[in-house]
Amino acid sequence: MATIVAVALTGPALANSCPRHMAAIDQALAANPKLDAAKLAEVKKLRADGEALHKQGKHAESEATLAQAESILGIKK
């Protein structure tokens, strides 16, 4: 029973944090980060993939994908 409650509470928590991560990435991208073209393209792809996963309800996967983009951008959590 405890597991069911934990899963039920974790899903909405992750769902709410995905948009915050996307906003942080968008803000960093708007500041024209000093990344080479390949890294910039990777960040943009990770950002788009993270949003798509969020919309599919795959919030844990979205969080992991967005964290990769944040890491490349040097965004501290």
Protein backbone atom coordinates (compact mmCIF):
# COMPACT_ATOMS: atom_id res chain seq x y z
CA MET A 1 0.00 0.00 0.00
CA ALA A 2 2.83 2.39 0.86
CA THR A 3 4.32 1.84 -2.58
CA ILE A 4 1.07 2.74 -4.28
CA VAL A 5 0.81 5.94 -2.26
CA ALA A 6 4.45 6.83 -3.01
CA VAL A 7 3.97 6.32 -6.75
CA ALA A 8 0.72 8.28 -6.72
CA LEU A 9 2.42 11.22 -5.03
CA THR A 10 5.65 11.11 -7.03
CA GLY A 11 4.02 11.37 -10.47
CA PRO A 12 2.39 14.76 -9.86
CA ALA A 13 5.53 16.08 -8.16
CA LEU A 14 7.66 15.24 -11.18
CA ALA A 15 5.01 16.60 -13.52
CA ASN A 16 5.23 19.96 -11.81
CA SER A 17 9.02 20.12 -11.90
CA CYS A 18 9.42 19.38 -15.62
CA PRO A 19 8.17 22.84 -16.65
CA ARG A 20 10.59 24.49 -14.19
CA HIS A 21 13.49 22.61 -15.75
CA MET A 22 12.34 23.52 -19.24
CA ALA A 23 12.07 27.18 -18.23
CA ALA A 24 15.60 27.13 -16.78
CA ILE A 25 16.93 25.65 -20.02
CA ASP A 26 15.03 28.19 -22.10
CA GLN A 27 16.43 31.03 -19.99
CA ALA A 28 19.98 29.72 -20.39
CA LEU A 29 19.51 29.34 -24.15
CA ALA A 30 18.16 32.90 -24.41
CA ALA A 31 21.40 34.14 -22.84
CA ASN A 32 23.35 32.75 -25.84
CA PRO A 33 25.55 30.24 -24.02
CA LYS A 34 29.09 29.76 -25.28
CA LEU A 35 28.67 26.27 -26.68
CA ASP A 36 29.87 24.86 -29.95
CA ALA A 37 27.22 24.14 -32.57
CA ALA A 38 27.10 20.41 -31.79
CA LYS A 39 26.56 20.93 -28.04
CA LEU A 40 23.95 23.61 -28.70
CA ALA A 41 22.09 21.26 -31.03
CA GLU A 42 22.30 18.50 -28.40
CA VAL A 43 20.85 20.79 -25.72
CA LYS A 44 17.98 21.82 -27.99
CA LYS A 45 17.23 18.19 -28.84
CA LEU A 46 17.32 17.15 -25.18
CA ARG A 47 15.02 20.07 -24.33
CA ALA A 48 12.54 19.06 -27.04
CA ASP A 49 12.73 15.38 -26.07
CA GLY A 50 12.19 16.28 -22.41
CA GLU A 51 9.07 18.25 -23.27
CA ALA A 52 7.73 15.43 -25.42
CA LEU A 53 8.29 12.92 -22.61
CA HIS A 54 6.56 15.28 -20.17
CA LYS A 55 3.53 15.53 -22.46
CA GLN A 56 3.44 11.73 -22.68
CA GLY A 57 3.30 11.52 -18.90
CA LYS A 58 6.79 10.01 -18.67
CA HIS A 59 7.96 12.45 -16.03
CA ALA A 60 10.90 10.50 -14.63
CA GLU A 61 12.32 10.09 -18.14
CA SER A 62 11.62 13.76 -18.85
CA GLU A 63 13.48 14.78 -15.69
CA ALA A 64 16.51 12.69 -16.65
CA THR A 65 16.57 14.08 -20.19
CA LEU A 66 16.20 17.67 -19.05
CA ALA A 67 18.92 17.12 -16.43
CA GLN A 68 21.32 16.18 -19.23
CA ALA A 69 20.59 19.47 -21.00
CA GLU A 70 21.00 21.39 -17.74
CA SER A 71 24.34 19.69 -17.12
CA ILE A 72 25.67 20.73 -20.53
CA LEU A 73 24.51 24.29 -19.88
CA GLY A 74 26.07 24.30 -16.42
CA ILE A 75 22.75 24.89 -14.68
CA LYS A 76 23.04 24.09 -10.98
CA LYS A 77 20.05 22.55 -9.27
